[in-house]
Structure formats: structure tokens, C-alpha cells
Amino acid sequence: MKSLAKLNPTLVGLIQTLAVTVYCAVVAIFFYYTAGVTPDLPEGIVIFMILMLLVFPAGVTGFLVFGPPAYLALNKEIKRSLSVLGFTFLFSGLIILILMTVIALNLPAS
């Protein structure tokens, strides 16, 4: 994380956003391909597994988004920390907007 202080906050925000995007895509692909699998396990075990599959990605995503800004804030670089967090949210919003536009443009006309 020492090299984080040397990078431009815009670049750090972009890298974080791309990491979260790739991670979300991997989790979505995993959910998509395992949706049809119905194991013959007790219902309690299945609920536990589903909850673990939801909580773990949330923790990883939280670490990817809030980890570097928290590190910077703990090192007394509050402005830089807020800047990195702001750029991360900005780029995330842009990716969401682009994906929603692509989806809307590809919907069949009714």
C-alpha cells in the first residue's frame, strides 16, 4: 500500500472500480451457472451456503472499495482518502450507467 500514496487518486479510483466490476462479473457468472444445481442437502445447510455466498462477496467488495481510502485516512491523508473514494463512486456510477444504457438499447421493442 506504500505505492498507493504515489498514485493519482483518479487512477486509484478507476483501478478499484475495475477490480470491483471484474469481481462482480465473476460472482454473477458463478451464480448464473450454479442456479440450476439443486443439491440434495438439508434445507438449513442450503440456506447457510446461500448466506455465505452473499456475505463473502459483500466483504470482498467492501474491502476493494473502502480498504485503500481507509488506509489513507489512517495515515492522516483525509483529503486524498475522500478523493479516492469519490472517484471510485464516480467511476462505479459511470459503469452502471453504461451497462444500463447497453441493456436498454438491446431490449426488444414491444
N, C-alpha and C. Protein backbone atom coordinates (compact mmCIF):
# COMPACT_ATOMS: atom_id res chain seq x y z
N MET A 1 0.81 -1.19 0.00
CA MET A 1 0.00 0.00 0.00
C MET A 1 0.85 1.26 0.00
N LYS A 2 2.14 1.11 0.20
CA LYS A 2 3.00 2.29 0.19
C LYS A 2 2.95 3.00 -1.15
N SER A 3 2.84 2.24 -2.25
CA SER A 3 2.81 2.85 -3.58
C SER A 3 1.48 3.56 -3.84
N LEU A 4 0.47 3.28 -3.03
CA LEU A 4 -0.84 3.93 -3.18
C LEU A 4 -0.72 5.43 -3.00
N ALA A 5 0.15 5.88 -2.11
CA ALA A 5 0.32 7.30 -1.86
C ALA A 5 0.92 8.03 -3.05
N LYS A 6 1.58 7.30 -3.92
CA LYS A 6 2.22 7.92 -5.08
C LYS A 6 1.30 8.03 -6.28
N LEU A 7 0.24 7.22 -6.32
CA LEU A 7 -0.65 7.20 -7.48
C LEU A 7 -1.66 8.34 -7.43
N ASN A 8 -2.09 8.75 -8.62
CA ASN A 8 -3.12 9.76 -8.76
C ASN A 8 -4.44 9.19 -8.21
N PRO A 9 -5.19 9.97 -7.39
CA PRO A 9 -6.46 9.47 -6.85
C PRO A 9 -7.45 9.03 -7.94
N THR A 10 -7.42 9.69 -9.08
CA THR A 10 -8.31 9.30 -10.18
C THR A 10 -7.96 7.89 -10.66
N LEU A 11 -6.68 7.61 -10.79
CA LEU A 11 -6.23 6.29 -11.24
C LEU A 11 -6.56 5.22 -10.21
N VAL A 12 -6.37 5.54 -8.93
CA VAL A 12 -6.70 4.58 -7.86
C VAL A 12 -8.19 4.28 -7.89
N GLY A 13 -9.03 5.31 -8.04
CA GLY A 13 -10.47 5.11 -8.11
C GLY A 13 -10.86 4.26 -9.30
N LEU A 14 -10.22 4.49 -10.44
CA LEU A 14 -10.50 3.70 -11.64
C LEU A 14 -10.09 2.24 -11.45
N ILE A 15 -8.92 2.02 -10.89
CA ILE A 15 -8.44 0.65 -10.65
C ILE A 15 -9.37 -0.08 -9.69
N GLN A 16 -9.79 0.61 -8.61
CA GLN A 16 -10.71 0.00 -7.65
C GLN A 16 -12.03 -0.36 -8.32
N THR A 17 -12.54 0.56 -9.14
CA THR A 17 -13.81 0.31 -9.82
C THR A 17 -13.70 -0.87 -10.78
N LEU A 18 -12.61 -0.94 -11.52
CA LEU A 18 -12.43 -2.07 -12.44
C LEU A 18 -12.29 -3.38 -11.68
N ALA A 19 -11.60 -3.35 -10.53
CA ALA A 19 -11.47 -4.57 -9.72
C ALA A 19 -12.83 -5.03 -9.21
N VAL A 20 -13.65 -4.09 -8.74
CA VAL A 20 -14.99 -4.44 -8.25
C VAL A 20 -15.85 -4.95 -9.40
N THR A 21 -15.73 -4.32 -10.57
CA THR A 21 -16.51 -4.74 -11.73
C THR A 21 -16.17 -6.17 -12.15
N VAL A 22 -14.90 -6.47 -12.22
CA VAL A 22 -14.46 -7.82 -12.59
C VAL A 22 -14.92 -8.82 -11.52
N TYR A 23 -14.76 -8.46 -10.26
CA TYR A 23 -15.16 -9.37 -9.18
C TYR A 23 -16.67 -9.62 -9.23
N CYS A 24 -17.46 -8.57 -9.43
CA CYS A 24 -18.92 -8.74 -9.52
C CYS A 24 -19.30 -9.61 -10.72
N ALA A 25 -18.60 -9.45 -11.83
CA ALA A 25 -18.87 -10.28 -13.00
C ALA A 25 -18.57 -11.75 -12.71
N VAL A 26 -17.48 -12.02 -12.02
CA VAL A 26 -17.13 -13.40 -11.68
C VAL A 26 -18.18 -14.00 -10.75
N VAL A 27 -18.62 -13.24 -9.74
CA VAL A 27 -19.65 -13.74 -8.82
C VAL A 27 -20.96 -13.96 -9.57
N ALA A 28 -21.31 -13.03 -10.47
CA ALA A 28 -22.55 -13.18 -11.25
C ALA A 28 -22.50 -14.42 -12.13
N ILE A 29 -21.37 -14.66 -12.76
CA ILE A 29 -21.21 -15.87 -13.59
C ILE A 29 -21.33 -17.11 -12.73
N PHE A 30 -20.73 -17.08 -11.56
CA PHE A 30 -20.83 -18.22 -10.64
C PHE A 30 -22.28 -18.48 -10.26
N PHE A 31 -23.02 -17.42 -9.87
CA PHE A 31 -24.43 -17.58 -9.52
C PHE A 31 -25.25 -18.07 -10.71
N TYR A 32 -24.94 -17.57 -11.89
CA TYR A 32 -25.69 -17.95 -13.08
C TYR A 32 -25.55 -19.45 -13.37
N TYR A 33 -24.32 -19.95 -13.29
CA TYR A 33 -24.09 -21.34 -13.65
C TYR A 33 -24.42 -22.32 -12.52
N THR A 34 -24.56 -21.83 -11.29
CA THR A 34 -24.92 -22.73 -10.20
C THR A 34 -26.39 -22.62 -9.82
N ALA A 35 -27.15 -21.78 -10.52
CA ALA A 35 -28.56 -21.58 -10.18
C ALA A 35 -29.37 -22.85 -10.42
N GLY A 36 -29.03 -23.61 -11.41
CA GLY A 36 -29.79 -24.82 -11.74
C GLY A 36 -29.40 -26.02 -10.90
N VAL A 37 -28.36 -25.90 -10.13
CA VAL A 37 -27.89 -27.02 -9.32
C VAL A 37 -28.70 -27.05 -8.03
N THR A 38 -29.37 -28.15 -7.81
CA THR A 38 -30.16 -28.29 -6.58
C THR A 38 -29.62 -29.48 -5.81
N PRO A 39 -28.74 -29.22 -4.87
CA PRO A 39 -28.16 -30.33 -4.12
C PRO A 39 -29.19 -30.97 -3.18
N ASP A 40 -29.00 -32.25 -2.93
CA ASP A 40 -29.87 -32.98 -2.01
C ASP A 40 -29.32 -32.84 -0.59
N LEU A 41 -29.35 -31.61 -0.11
CA LEU A 41 -28.86 -31.32 1.24
C LEU A 41 -30.03 -30.83 2.09
N PRO A 42 -29.88 -30.91 3.40
CA PRO A 42 -30.92 -30.37 4.27
C PRO A 42 -31.10 -28.86 4.03
N GLU A 43 -32.33 -28.40 4.20
CA GLU A 43 -32.66 -27.01 3.90
C GLU A 43 -31.80 -26.03 4.70
N GLY A 44 -31.50 -26.35 5.94
CA GLY A 44 -30.68 -25.47 6.77
C GLY A 44 -29.28 -25.28 6.20
N ILE A 45 -28.70 -26.33 5.66
CA ILE A 45 -27.36 -26.25 5.05
C ILE A 45 -27.42 -25.39 3.79
N VAL A 46 -28.46 -25.55 3.00
CA VAL A 46 -28.60 -24.78 1.76
C VAL A 46 -28.74 -23.30 2.08
N ILE A 47 -29.56 -22.96 3.08
CA ILE A 47 -29.72 -21.55 3.48
C ILE A 47 -28.39 -20.99 3.97
N PHE A 48 -27.66 -21.76 4.77
CA PHE A 48 -26.34 -21.33 5.24
C PHE A 48 -25.39 -21.06 4.07
N MET A 49 -25.37 -21.95 3.08
CA MET A 49 -24.49 -21.79 1.93
C MET A 49 -24.87 -20.55 1.12
N ILE A 50 -26.16 -20.32 0.95
CA ILE A 50 -26.61 -19.13 0.20
C ILE A 50 -26.18 -17.87 0.93
N LEU A 51 -26.38 -17.84 2.25
CA LEU A 51 -25.97 -16.66 3.02
C LEU A 51 -24.46 -16.43 2.93
N MET A 52 -23.69 -17.51 3.00
CA MET A 52 -22.23 -17.36 2.87
C MET A 52 -21.84 -16.84 1.49
N LEU A 53 -22.56 -17.29 0.46
CA LEU A 53 -22.28 -16.83 -0.89
C LEU A 53 -22.69 -15.37 -1.10
N LEU A 54 -23.54 -14.85 -0.26
CA LEU A 54 -23.90 -13.44 -0.34
C LEU A 54 -23.01 -12.56 0.54
N VAL A 55 -22.65 -13.05 1.71
CA VAL A 55 -21.86 -12.25 2.65
C VAL A 55 -20.40 -12.14 2.22
N PHE A 56 -19.81 -13.22 1.77
CA PHE A 56 -18.40 -13.19 1.38
C PHE A 56 -18.13 -12.20 0.25
N PRO A 57 -18.90 -12.22 -0.85
CA PRO A 57 -18.67 -11.21 -1.89
C PRO A 57 -18.90 -9.77 -1.40
N ALA A 58 -19.84 -9.59 -0.50
CA ALA A 58 -20.06 -8.24 0.05
C ALA A 58 -18.82 -7.78 0.83
N GLY A 59 -18.21 -8.69 1.57
CA GLY A 59 -17.00 -8.35 2.31
C GLY A 59 -15.83 -8.03 1.39
N VAL A 60 -15.66 -8.82 0.36
CA VAL A 60 -14.57 -8.58 -0.60
C VAL A 60 -14.78 -7.25 -1.31
N THR A 61 -16.01 -6.99 -1.74
CA THR A 61 -16.31 -5.74 -2.43
C THR A 61 -16.10 -4.55 -1.50
N GLY A 62 -16.52 -4.69 -0.25
CA GLY A 62 -16.29 -3.62 0.72
C GLY A 62 -14.81 -3.35 0.92
N PHE A 63 -14.02 -4.41 0.97
CA PHE A 63 -12.57 -4.24 1.11
C PHE A 63 -11.99 -3.53 -0.11
N LEU A 64 -12.44 -3.92 -1.30
CA LEU A 64 -11.92 -3.29 -2.52
C LEU A 64 -12.27 -1.81 -2.60
N VAL A 65 -13.47 -1.45 -2.14
CA VAL A 65 -13.92 -0.06 -2.24
C VAL A 65 -13.39 0.79 -1.09
N PHE A 66 -13.50 0.27 0.13
CA PHE A 66 -13.18 1.10 1.30
C PHE A 66 -11.80 0.86 1.88
N GLY A 67 -11.10 -0.20 1.46
CA GLY A 67 -9.78 -0.50 2.01
C GLY A 67 -8.74 0.59 1.77
N PRO A 68 -8.47 0.93 0.50
CA PRO A 68 -7.46 1.97 0.26
C PRO A 68 -7.82 3.34 0.85
N PRO A 69 -9.09 3.81 0.75
CA PRO A 69 -9.40 5.08 1.41
C PRO A 69 -9.22 5.02 2.93
N ALA A 70 -9.56 3.89 3.54
CA ALA A 70 -9.37 3.75 4.98
C ALA A 70 -7.88 3.78 5.33
N TYR A 71 -7.07 3.12 4.53
CA TYR A 71 -5.62 3.14 4.75
C TYR A 71 -5.08 4.56 4.69
N LEU A 72 -5.53 5.30 3.67
CA LEU A 72 -5.09 6.69 3.54
C LEU A 72 -5.57 7.54 4.71
N ALA A 73 -6.80 7.34 5.14
CA ALA A 73 -7.35 8.11 6.25
C ALA A 73 -6.59 7.81 7.54
N LEU A 74 -6.23 6.56 7.76
CA LEU A 74 -5.46 6.21 8.95
C LEU A 74 -4.06 6.81 8.93
N ASN A 75 -3.57 7.11 7.74
CA ASN A 75 -2.25 7.74 7.59
C ASN A 75 -2.38 9.26 7.47
N LYS A 76 -3.49 9.80 7.95
CA LYS A 76 -3.72 11.25 8.03
C LYS A 76 -3.81 11.93 6.67
N GLU A 77 -4.18 11.20 5.63
CA GLU A 77 -4.37 11.78 4.30
C GLU A 77 -5.87 11.80 3.99
N ILE A 78 -6.60 12.61 4.75
CA ILE A 78 -8.06 12.63 4.68
C ILE A 78 -8.54 13.13 3.31
N LYS A 79 -7.96 14.23 2.82
CA LYS A 79 -8.40 14.76 1.52
C LYS A 79 -8.18 13.74 0.41
N ARG A 80 -7.04 13.12 0.41
CA ARG A 80 -6.72 12.11 -0.60
C ARG A 80 -7.65 10.90 -0.46
N SER A 81 -7.93 10.52 0.77
CA SER A 81 -8.83 9.40 1.03
C SER A 81 -10.22 9.68 0.47
N LEU A 82 -10.77 10.85 0.74
CA LEU A 82 -12.08 11.21 0.23
C LEU A 82 -12.08 11.35 -1.29
N SER A 83 -10.96 11.81 -1.82
CA SER A 83 -10.84 11.93 -3.27
C SER A 83 -10.87 10.55 -3.94
N VAL A 84 -10.12 9.61 -3.40
CA VAL A 84 -10.10 8.25 -3.95
C VAL A 84 -11.49 7.63 -3.85
N LEU A 85 -12.14 7.79 -2.71
CA LEU A 85 -13.48 7.24 -2.53
C LEU A 85 -14.47 7.88 -3.50
N GLY A 86 -14.37 9.20 -3.65
CA GLY A 86 -15.25 9.90 -4.59
C GLY A 86 -15.07 9.44 -6.02
N PHE A 87 -13.82 9.30 -6.45
CA PHE A 87 -13.56 8.82 -7.82
C PHE A 87 -14.02 7.38 -8.00
N THR A 88 -13.89 6.56 -6.96
CA THR A 88 -14.37 5.18 -7.04
C THR A 88 -15.88 5.17 -7.27
N PHE A 89 -16.60 5.97 -6.49
CA PHE A 89 -18.06 6.04 -6.67
C PHE A 89 -18.43 6.65 -8.02
N LEU A 90 -17.68 7.65 -8.45
CA LEU A 90 -17.95 8.27 -9.75
C LEU A 90 -17.80 7.26 -10.88
N PHE A 91 -16.68 6.55 -10.91
CA PHE A 91 -16.45 5.56 -11.96
C PHE A 91 -17.44 4.40 -11.85
N SER A 92 -17.81 4.01 -10.63
CA SER A 92 -18.81 2.95 -10.47
C SER A 92 -20.14 3.39 -11.04
N GLY A 93 -20.53 4.63 -10.77
CA GLY A 93 -21.76 5.16 -11.32
C GLY A 93 -21.74 5.20 -12.84
N LEU A 94 -20.60 5.57 -13.40
CA LEU A 94 -20.47 5.60 -14.86
C LEU A 94 -20.60 4.21 -15.46
N ILE A 95 -19.99 3.22 -14.83
CA ILE A 95 -20.09 1.85 -15.34
C ILE A 95 -21.53 1.37 -15.25
N ILE A 96 -22.21 1.68 -14.14
CA ILE A 96 -23.62 1.29 -14.01
C ILE A 96 -24.45 1.97 -15.09
N LEU A 97 -24.22 3.25 -15.32
CA LEU A 97 -24.96 3.99 -16.34
C LEU A 97 -24.71 3.41 -17.74
N ILE A 98 -23.47 3.07 -18.04
CA ILE A 98 -23.14 2.48 -19.34
C ILE A 98 -23.82 1.12 -19.50
N LEU A 99 -23.76 0.29 -18.46
CA LEU A 99 -24.40 -1.03 -18.54
C LEU A 99 -25.91 -0.91 -18.69
N MET A 100 -26.52 0.00 -17.96
CA MET A 100 -27.98 0.17 -18.07
C MET A 100 -28.36 0.68 -19.47
N THR A 101 -27.53 1.56 -20.03
CA THR A 101 -27.79 2.06 -21.39
C THR A 101 -27.68 0.94 -22.41
N VAL A 102 -26.65 0.12 -22.29
CA VAL A 102 -26.47 -1.00 -23.22
C VAL A 102 -27.65 -1.97 -23.09
N ILE A 103 -28.07 -2.26 -21.88
CA ILE A 103 -29.20 -3.16 -21.67
C ILE A 103 -30.46 -2.56 -22.26
N ALA A 104 -30.70 -1.28 -22.02
CA ALA A 104 -31.92 -0.63 -22.54
C ALA A 104 -31.93 -0.60 -24.06
N LEU A 105 -30.79 -0.40 -24.67
CA LEU A 105 -30.72 -0.35 -26.13
C LEU A 105 -30.92 -1.73 -26.77
N ASN A 106 -30.65 -2.77 -25.99
CA ASN A 106 -30.77 -4.14 -26.53
C ASN A 106 -32.08 -4.81 -26.16
N LEU A 107 -32.97 -4.11 -25.47
CA LEU A 107 -34.28 -4.68 -25.16
C LEU A 107 -35.13 -4.73 -26.41
N PRO A 108 -35.89 -5.79 -26.59
CA PRO A 108 -36.76 -5.85 -27.76
C PRO A 108 -37.88 -4.81 -27.65
N ALA A 109 -38.22 -4.23 -28.76
CA ALA A 109 -39.31 -3.23 -28.80
C ALA A 109 -40.64 -3.94 -28.61
N SER A 110 -41.50 -3.34 -27.79
CA SER A 110 -42.80 -4.00 -27.57
C SER A 110 -43.95 -3.18 -28.12
